[in-house]
């Protein structure tokens, strides 16, 4: 994602005094402004951005915890 969050998300973050985080791609082909609202922004490789998106949280240790569990 590039640019600002939706106005609705910005409002919820501001009204509830939330501390939010974003994992951003370090891909030089994806240029543009980073969203200003998340107070914590982490620069990562594109595969790590996808892994954190699948995990749904930045608090998961991707080195020791699985991103998900399959049926097999």
Protein backbone atom coordinates (compact mmCIF):
# COMPACT_ATOMS: atom_id res chain seq x y z
CA UNK A 1 0.00 0.00 0.00
CA UNK A 2 1.23 3.44 -0.78
CA UNK A 3 -0.14 6.72 0.44
CA UNK A 4 -2.48 7.40 3.30
CA UNK A 5 -4.96 5.01 4.89
CA UNK A 6 -8.67 5.49 4.30
CA UNK A 7 -10.25 8.38 6.21
CA UNK A 8 -12.32 5.88 8.21
CA UNK A 9 -9.22 4.00 9.39
CA UNK A 10 -7.42 7.22 10.25
CA UNK A 11 -10.42 8.33 12.30
CA UNK A 12 -10.59 5.05 14.26
CA UNK A 13 -6.85 5.17 14.96
CA UNK A 14 -7.01 8.79 16.12
CA UNK A 15 -10.21 8.47 18.18
CA UNK A 16 -9.02 5.36 20.01
CA UNK A 17 -5.41 6.57 20.42
CA UNK A 18 -4.15 3.34 18.82
CA UNK A 19 -0.50 2.60 18.16
CA UNK A 20 -0.37 0.90 14.77
CA UNK A 21 2.38 -0.69 12.74
CA UNK A 22 3.03 -1.23 9.06
CA UNK A 23 5.41 -3.56 7.23
CA UNK A 24 6.45 -1.86 4.01
CA UNK A 25 8.19 -3.27 0.98
CA UNK A 26 11.78 -2.28 0.32
CA UNK A 27 11.21 -2.90 -3.37
CA UNK A 28 12.65 0.11 -5.24
CA UNK A 29 10.05 -0.37 -7.99
CA UNK A 30 7.29 0.54 -5.52
CA UNK A 31 7.95 4.22 -5.08
CA UNK A 32 5.64 6.67 -3.41
CA UNK A 33 4.87 8.13 -0.02
CA UNK A 34 4.60 5.87 2.99
CA UNK A 35 1.39 6.11 5.01
CA UNK A 36 1.83 8.71 7.77
CA UNK A 37 -0.61 7.20 10.28
CA UNK A 38 1.10 3.99 11.51
CA UNK A 39 3.52 5.12 14.21
CA UNK A 40 5.77 2.09 13.68
CA UNK A 41 6.87 1.37 10.14
CA UNK A 42 9.16 -1.52 9.27
CA UNK A 43 10.96 -1.87 5.95
CA UNK A 44 11.14 -5.48 4.74
CA UNK A 45 11.70 -7.52 1.61
CA UNK A 46 8.59 -8.21 -0.49
CA UNK A 47 8.38 -11.89 0.66
CA UNK A 48 8.47 -10.79 4.32
CA UNK A 49 5.74 -8.22 3.68
CA UNK A 50 3.56 -11.03 2.30
CA UNK A 51 4.45 -13.36 5.21
CA UNK A 52 3.47 -10.73 7.79
CA UNK A 53 0.26 -10.00 5.87
CA UNK A 54 -0.63 -13.71 5.95
CA UNK A 55 0.30 -13.94 9.64
CA UNK A 56 -1.92 -10.92 10.34
CA UNK A 57 0.36 -9.53 13.04
CA UNK A 58 3.87 -8.21 13.47
CA UNK A 59 4.18 -9.84 16.89
CA UNK A 60 4.72 -13.30 15.42
CA UNK A 61 8.35 -14.44 15.31
CA UNK A 62 8.60 -15.70 11.74
CA UNK A 63 11.91 -17.40 12.53
CA UNK A 64 10.41 -19.76 15.13
CA UNK A 65 6.62 -19.71 14.64
CA UNK A 66 4.71 -20.95 11.57
CA UNK A 67 2.84 -18.40 9.51
CA UNK A 68 -0.06 -20.83 9.27
CA UNK A 69 -0.97 -24.49 9.51
CA UNK A 70 -2.16 -26.58 6.60
CA UNK A 71 -4.22 -29.74 6.62
CA UNK A 72 -1.17 -31.84 5.69
